[in-house]
Amino acid sequence: MVKKDLEQERLWQALLNSLEINVGKKPKDLNAVLFLIGVQELGKGKRTFSKEEKQDLMHFAICKVLCMSVFYELEGLDEDGWPHWKLVKKLPHFDLLEQERLLKMHVIEYFQKEIELQIK
């Protein structure tokens, strides 16, 4: 498990470095990366978001990355173009560290597959 954790942390740091190059600022944590995914998935470009919109962006970023494990699927877009997801498979009970590991694993996969970002 330690080797797997070390490899994930290496990939995570490489992802943060790649995002710094591509976005111009290094995300400080998982939440910042989830926010970037939310903005990317919304597809409305860079703009100012309210606190509630930022929470919504992070929520559907989580849904987007967890759809890779078939926990969620896209239900559709609302009239404003915001995605809505539905839970299709119950999430296992994880402690906070396990939740973070799962999310990081899928965030890395998202950037490798969906964005085709080379993470080295």
N, C-alpha and C. Protein backbone atom coordinates (compact mmCIF):
# COMPACT_ATOMS: atom_id res chain seq x y z
N MET A 1 0.83 -1.20 0.00
CA MET A 1 0.00 0.00 0.00
C MET A 1 0.86 1.26 0.00
N VAL A 2 1.99 1.22 0.69
CA VAL A 2 2.85 2.39 0.77
C VAL A 2 3.40 2.75 -0.61
N LYS A 3 3.81 1.74 -1.37
CA LYS A 3 4.34 1.99 -2.71
C LYS A 3 3.27 2.62 -3.60
N LYS A 4 2.04 2.11 -3.50
CA LYS A 4 0.93 2.65 -4.29
C LYS A 4 0.65 4.10 -3.89
N ASP A 5 0.68 4.39 -2.59
CA ASP A 5 0.47 5.75 -2.10
C ASP A 5 1.56 6.68 -2.58
N LEU A 6 2.80 6.21 -2.57
CA LEU A 6 3.92 7.03 -3.04
C LEU A 6 3.80 7.33 -4.54
N GLU A 7 3.38 6.34 -5.30
CA GLU A 7 3.21 6.54 -6.74
C GLU A 7 2.08 7.53 -7.01
N GLN A 8 0.98 7.40 -6.26
CA GLN A 8 -0.12 8.34 -6.44
C GLN A 8 0.33 9.75 -6.07
N GLU A 9 1.09 9.90 -5.00
CA GLU A 9 1.56 11.22 -4.59
C GLU A 9 2.51 11.80 -5.64
N ARG A 10 3.35 10.96 -6.24
CA ARG A 10 4.26 11.43 -7.30
C ARG A 10 3.44 11.92 -8.49
N LEU A 11 2.43 11.16 -8.89
CA LEU A 11 1.57 11.56 -10.00
C LEU A 11 0.79 12.83 -9.66
N TRP A 12 0.34 12.94 -8.42
CA TRP A 12 -0.42 14.11 -7.98
C TRP A 12 0.45 15.37 -8.09
N GLN A 13 1.68 15.28 -7.59
CA GLN A 13 2.58 16.43 -7.66
C GLN A 13 2.91 16.78 -9.11
N ALA A 14 3.07 15.76 -9.94
CA ALA A 14 3.32 16.00 -11.37
C ALA A 14 2.12 16.68 -12.01
N LEU A 15 0.91 16.27 -11.62
CA LEU A 15 -0.30 16.91 -12.13
C LEU A 15 -0.34 18.38 -11.72
N LEU A 16 -0.08 18.65 -10.45
CA LEU A 16 -0.09 20.04 -9.97
C LEU A 16 0.93 20.88 -10.73
N ASN A 17 2.10 20.32 -10.99
CA ASN A 17 3.12 21.04 -11.75
C ASN A 17 2.67 21.29 -13.19
N SER A 18 2.03 20.30 -13.80
CA SER A 18 1.51 20.47 -15.17
C SER A 18 0.42 21.53 -15.21
N LEU A 19 -0.43 21.52 -14.20
CA LEU A 19 -1.49 22.54 -14.15
C LEU A 19 -0.91 23.93 -13.97
N GLU A 20 0.15 24.04 -13.18
CA GLU A 20 0.80 25.34 -13.01
C GLU A 20 1.30 25.86 -14.36
N ILE A 21 1.87 25.00 -15.15
CA ILE A 21 2.37 25.40 -16.47
C ILE A 21 1.21 25.79 -17.39
N ASN A 22 0.13 25.00 -17.37
CA ASN A 22 -0.99 25.22 -18.28
C ASN A 22 -1.95 26.32 -17.84
N VAL A 23 -2.11 26.50 -16.52
CA VAL A 23 -3.08 27.46 -16.01
C VAL A 23 -2.40 28.75 -15.55
N GLY A 24 -1.12 28.65 -15.21
CA GLY A 24 -0.39 29.83 -14.76
C GLY A 24 -0.31 29.97 -13.25
N LYS A 25 -0.96 29.06 -12.54
CA LYS A 25 -0.94 29.09 -11.08
C LYS A 25 -1.06 27.66 -10.59
N LYS A 26 -0.24 27.31 -9.61
CA LYS A 26 -0.29 25.95 -9.07
C LYS A 26 -1.45 25.82 -8.09
N PRO A 27 -2.36 24.88 -8.34
CA PRO A 27 -3.46 24.67 -7.39
C PRO A 27 -2.91 24.26 -6.03
N LYS A 28 -3.50 24.80 -4.97
CA LYS A 28 -2.95 24.54 -3.63
C LYS A 28 -3.42 23.23 -3.03
N ASP A 29 -4.56 22.69 -3.52
CA ASP A 29 -5.07 21.45 -2.93
C ASP A 29 -6.07 20.79 -3.87
N LEU A 30 -6.62 19.67 -3.40
CA LEU A 30 -7.59 18.91 -4.18
C LEU A 30 -8.81 19.75 -4.53
N ASN A 31 -9.28 20.55 -3.59
CA ASN A 31 -10.46 21.38 -3.86
C ASN A 31 -10.22 22.35 -5.00
N ALA A 32 -9.03 22.92 -5.07
CA ALA A 32 -8.71 23.85 -6.16
C ALA A 32 -8.71 23.12 -7.50
N VAL A 33 -8.21 21.89 -7.52
CA VAL A 33 -8.20 21.11 -8.75
C VAL A 33 -9.63 20.73 -9.15
N LEU A 34 -10.44 20.37 -8.16
CA LEU A 34 -11.84 20.06 -8.45
C LEU A 34 -12.57 21.28 -9.02
N PHE A 35 -12.26 22.45 -8.49
CA PHE A 35 -12.85 23.68 -9.02
C PHE A 35 -12.47 23.85 -10.49
N LEU A 36 -11.19 23.62 -10.83
CA LEU A 36 -10.75 23.73 -12.23
C LEU A 36 -11.51 22.75 -13.13
N ILE A 37 -11.70 21.53 -12.64
CA ILE A 37 -12.45 20.54 -13.41
C ILE A 37 -13.89 21.02 -13.62
N GLY A 38 -14.48 21.56 -12.57
CA GLY A 38 -15.85 22.07 -12.67
C GLY A 38 -15.97 23.17 -13.71
N VAL A 39 -15.02 24.09 -13.70
CA VAL A 39 -15.03 25.18 -14.69
C VAL A 39 -14.86 24.60 -16.10
N GLN A 40 -13.95 23.65 -16.24
CA GLN A 40 -13.71 23.00 -17.53
C GLN A 40 -14.99 22.31 -18.03
N GLU A 41 -15.63 21.57 -17.15
CA GLU A 41 -16.82 20.82 -17.54
C GLU A 41 -18.01 21.73 -17.81
N LEU A 42 -18.10 22.85 -17.12
CA LEU A 42 -19.18 23.80 -17.37
C LEU A 42 -19.04 24.39 -18.78
N GLY A 43 -17.78 24.63 -19.19
CA GLY A 43 -17.52 25.08 -20.55
C GLY A 43 -17.92 26.50 -20.87
N LYS A 44 -18.01 27.35 -19.86
CA LYS A 44 -18.41 28.74 -20.09
C LYS A 44 -17.24 29.71 -19.96
N GLY A 45 -16.03 29.17 -19.89
CA GLY A 45 -14.85 30.01 -19.82
C GLY A 45 -14.61 30.60 -18.44
N LYS A 46 -13.58 31.41 -18.38
CA LYS A 46 -13.18 32.04 -17.12
C LYS A 46 -14.13 33.20 -16.81
N ARG A 47 -14.67 33.17 -15.61
CA ARG A 47 -15.52 34.25 -15.13
C ARG A 47 -15.57 34.20 -13.62
N THR A 48 -16.23 35.15 -13.02
CA THR A 48 -16.37 35.18 -11.57
C THR A 48 -17.59 34.37 -11.17
N PHE A 49 -17.42 33.51 -10.18
CA PHE A 49 -18.50 32.67 -9.69
C PHE A 49 -18.83 33.05 -8.25
N SER A 50 -20.11 32.93 -7.91
CA SER A 50 -20.53 33.15 -6.53
C SER A 50 -20.04 31.99 -5.67
N LYS A 51 -20.12 32.14 -4.36
CA LYS A 51 -19.72 31.07 -3.45
C LYS A 51 -20.54 29.81 -3.72
N GLU A 52 -21.85 29.97 -3.92
CA GLU A 52 -22.71 28.83 -4.19
C GLU A 52 -22.34 28.16 -5.52
N GLU A 53 -22.04 28.96 -6.53
CA GLU A 53 -21.64 28.40 -7.83
C GLU A 53 -20.33 27.64 -7.70
N LYS A 54 -19.39 28.16 -6.90
CA LYS A 54 -18.12 27.45 -6.69
C LYS A 54 -18.36 26.10 -6.04
N GLN A 55 -19.27 26.05 -5.06
CA GLN A 55 -19.61 24.77 -4.43
C GLN A 55 -20.24 23.83 -5.44
N ASP A 56 -21.12 24.35 -6.29
CA ASP A 56 -21.75 23.53 -7.32
C ASP A 56 -20.70 23.00 -8.31
N LEU A 57 -19.76 23.85 -8.70
CA LEU A 57 -18.70 23.44 -9.62
C LEU A 57 -17.89 22.29 -9.03
N MET A 58 -17.55 22.41 -7.75
CA MET A 58 -16.77 21.35 -7.10
C MET A 58 -17.61 20.07 -6.97
N HIS A 59 -18.89 20.22 -6.69
CA HIS A 59 -19.76 19.05 -6.57
C HIS A 59 -19.85 18.29 -7.89
N PHE A 60 -20.09 19.02 -8.98
CA PHE A 60 -20.21 18.24 -10.21
C PHE A 60 -18.86 17.80 -10.77
N ALA A 61 -17.77 18.41 -10.31
CA ALA A 61 -16.44 17.88 -10.65
C ALA A 61 -16.26 16.52 -9.96
N ILE A 62 -16.70 16.44 -8.71
CA ILE A 62 -16.62 15.17 -7.99
C ILE A 62 -17.47 14.12 -8.71
N CYS A 63 -18.67 14.49 -9.09
CA CYS A 63 -19.54 13.56 -9.83
C CYS A 63 -18.88 13.12 -11.14
N LYS A 64 -18.28 14.08 -11.84
CA LYS A 64 -17.63 13.78 -13.12
C LYS A 64 -16.51 12.76 -12.94
N VAL A 65 -15.64 12.99 -11.96
CA VAL A 65 -14.52 12.06 -11.79
C VAL A 65 -15.00 10.72 -11.25
N LEU A 66 -16.04 10.73 -10.41
CA LEU A 66 -16.54 9.46 -9.87
C LEU A 66 -17.38 8.68 -10.88
N CYS A 67 -17.74 9.32 -11.99
CA CYS A 67 -18.45 8.57 -13.03
C CYS A 67 -17.49 7.57 -13.69
N MET A 68 -16.18 7.77 -13.51
CA MET A 68 -15.20 6.82 -14.04
C MET A 68 -15.30 5.47 -13.33
N SER A 69 -15.83 5.46 -12.12
CA SER A 69 -16.08 4.22 -11.39
C SER A 69 -17.56 3.88 -11.38
N VAL A 70 -18.30 4.52 -12.24
CA VAL A 70 -19.73 4.30 -12.44
C VAL A 70 -20.55 4.52 -11.16
N PHE A 71 -20.12 5.49 -10.34
CA PHE A 71 -20.92 5.87 -9.19
C PHE A 71 -21.99 6.88 -9.60
N TYR A 72 -21.67 7.71 -10.58
CA TYR A 72 -22.60 8.73 -11.07
C TYR A 72 -22.70 8.65 -12.57
N GLU A 73 -23.82 9.16 -13.09
CA GLU A 73 -23.93 9.34 -14.53
C GLU A 73 -24.60 10.68 -14.77
N LEU A 74 -24.27 11.27 -15.90
CA LEU A 74 -24.82 12.57 -16.26
C LEU A 74 -26.30 12.41 -16.57
N GLU A 75 -27.11 13.20 -15.88
CA GLU A 75 -28.55 13.17 -16.08
C GLU A 75 -28.95 14.13 -17.20
N GLY A 76 -28.21 15.23 -17.32
CA GLY A 76 -28.50 16.21 -18.35
C GLY A 76 -28.09 17.59 -17.88
N LEU A 77 -28.38 18.58 -18.71
CA LEU A 77 -28.06 19.96 -18.40
C LEU A 77 -29.34 20.72 -18.11
N ASP A 78 -29.25 21.68 -17.18
CA ASP A 78 -30.42 22.51 -16.91
C ASP A 78 -30.50 23.63 -17.95
N GLU A 79 -31.48 24.51 -17.81
CA GLU A 79 -31.70 25.57 -18.80
C GLU A 79 -30.53 26.56 -18.88
N ASP A 80 -29.69 26.60 -17.83
CA ASP A 80 -28.52 27.48 -17.83
C ASP A 80 -27.25 26.77 -18.30
N GLY A 81 -27.39 25.49 -18.67
CA GLY A 81 -26.23 24.74 -19.16
C GLY A 81 -25.41 24.08 -18.06
N TRP A 82 -25.93 24.07 -16.84
CA TRP A 82 -25.21 23.43 -15.74
C TRP A 82 -25.56 21.94 -15.70
N PRO A 83 -24.54 21.07 -15.58
CA PRO A 83 -24.80 19.63 -15.57
C PRO A 83 -25.45 19.16 -14.26
N HIS A 84 -26.23 18.12 -14.40
CA HIS A 84 -26.85 17.47 -13.23
C HIS A 84 -26.54 15.98 -13.31
N TRP A 85 -26.14 15.43 -12.19
CA TRP A 85 -25.70 14.04 -12.11
C TRP A 85 -26.64 13.26 -11.22
N LYS A 86 -26.72 11.96 -11.47
CA LYS A 86 -27.49 11.12 -10.55
C LYS A 86 -26.60 9.98 -10.07
N LEU A 87 -26.79 9.63 -8.81
CA LEU A 87 -26.07 8.53 -8.19
C LEU A 87 -26.63 7.23 -8.73
N VAL A 88 -25.77 6.37 -9.28
CA VAL A 88 -26.25 5.10 -9.84
C VAL A 88 -25.71 3.89 -9.07
N LYS A 89 -24.68 4.11 -8.26
CA LYS A 89 -24.12 3.03 -7.45
C LYS A 89 -23.71 3.64 -6.12
N LYS A 90 -24.16 3.04 -5.05
CA LYS A 90 -23.86 3.56 -3.72
C LYS A 90 -22.36 3.60 -3.48
N LEU A 91 -21.90 4.74 -2.96
CA LEU A 91 -20.48 4.89 -2.63
C LEU A 91 -20.16 4.08 -1.38
N PRO A 92 -19.01 3.39 -1.38
CA PRO A 92 -18.62 2.67 -0.17
C PRO A 92 -18.29 3.66 0.95
N HIS A 93 -18.38 3.20 2.18
CA HIS A 93 -18.04 4.05 3.31
C HIS A 93 -16.51 4.15 3.40
N PHE A 94 -16.00 5.36 3.24
CA PHE A 94 -14.57 5.61 3.33
C PHE A 94 -14.31 6.64 4.40
N ASP A 95 -13.13 6.53 5.02
CA ASP A 95 -12.71 7.63 5.89
C ASP A 95 -12.19 8.76 5.00
N LEU A 96 -11.87 9.90 5.58
CA LEU A 96 -11.46 11.06 4.78
C LEU A 96 -10.23 10.79 3.93
N LEU A 97 -9.25 10.08 4.47
CA LEU A 97 -8.03 9.79 3.72
C LEU A 97 -8.34 8.90 2.51
N GLU A 98 -9.20 7.89 2.70
CA GLU A 98 -9.58 7.01 1.60
C GLU A 98 -10.38 7.77 0.54
N GLN A 99 -11.25 8.68 0.98
CA GLN A 99 -12.01 9.50 0.03
C GLN A 99 -11.07 10.34 -0.81
N GLU A 100 -10.08 10.95 -0.15
CA GLU A 100 -9.13 11.79 -0.87
C GLU A 100 -8.32 10.96 -1.86
N ARG A 101 -7.89 9.77 -1.45
CA ARG A 101 -7.14 8.89 -2.35
C ARG A 101 -7.96 8.54 -3.59
N LEU A 102 -9.22 8.17 -3.37
CA LEU A 102 -10.10 7.82 -4.49
C LEU A 102 -10.28 9.00 -5.43
N LEU A 103 -10.55 10.16 -4.88
CA LEU A 103 -10.74 11.35 -5.72
C LEU A 103 -9.46 11.70 -6.47
N LYS A 104 -8.32 11.68 -5.79
CA LYS A 104 -7.06 11.99 -6.48
C LYS A 104 -6.79 11.02 -7.61
N MET A 105 -7.05 9.73 -7.37
CA MET A 105 -6.83 8.72 -8.40
C MET A 105 -7.67 9.05 -9.64
N HIS A 106 -8.93 9.41 -9.42
CA HIS A 106 -9.81 9.70 -10.56
C HIS A 106 -9.52 11.07 -11.17
N VAL A 107 -9.08 12.02 -10.39
CA VAL A 107 -8.68 13.33 -10.94
C VAL A 107 -7.49 13.15 -11.87
N ILE A 108 -6.52 12.36 -11.45
CA ILE A 108 -5.35 12.09 -12.30
C ILE A 108 -5.81 11.42 -13.58
N GLU A 109 -6.69 10.43 -13.45
CA GLU A 109 -7.22 9.73 -14.62
C GLU A 109 -8.00 10.69 -15.53
N TYR A 110 -8.78 11.58 -14.94
CA TYR A 110 -9.53 12.58 -15.71
C TYR A 110 -8.59 13.40 -16.59
N PHE A 111 -7.53 13.92 -15.99
CA PHE A 111 -6.62 14.77 -16.77
C PHE A 111 -5.86 13.97 -17.81
N GLN A 112 -5.56 12.71 -17.54
CA GLN A 112 -4.87 11.89 -18.52
C GLN A 112 -5.78 11.51 -19.69
N LYS A 113 -7.04 11.16 -19.39
CA LYS A 113 -7.95 10.67 -20.44
C LYS A 113 -8.80 11.76 -21.07
N GLU A 114 -9.42 12.57 -20.26
CA GLU A 114 -10.36 13.58 -20.77
C GLU A 114 -9.64 14.80 -21.35
N ILE A 115 -8.60 15.24 -20.70
CA ILE A 115 -7.88 16.44 -21.11
C ILE A 115 -6.63 16.07 -21.93
N GLU A 116 -6.25 14.79 -21.85
CA GLU A 116 -5.06 14.28 -22.53
C GLU A 116 -3.81 15.03 -22.11
N LEU A 117 -3.74 15.35 -20.81
CA LEU A 117 -2.58 16.00 -20.24
C LEU A 117 -1.52 14.94 -19.95
N GLN A 118 -0.33 15.19 -20.37
CA GLN A 118 0.78 14.28 -20.11
C GLN A 118 1.30 14.54 -18.70
N ILE A 119 1.15 13.56 -17.84
CA ILE A 119 1.60 13.68 -16.46
C ILE A 119 2.79 12.75 -16.29
N LYS A 120 3.93 13.34 -15.99
CA LYS A 120 5.15 12.54 -15.88
C LYS A 120 5.76 12.66 -14.52
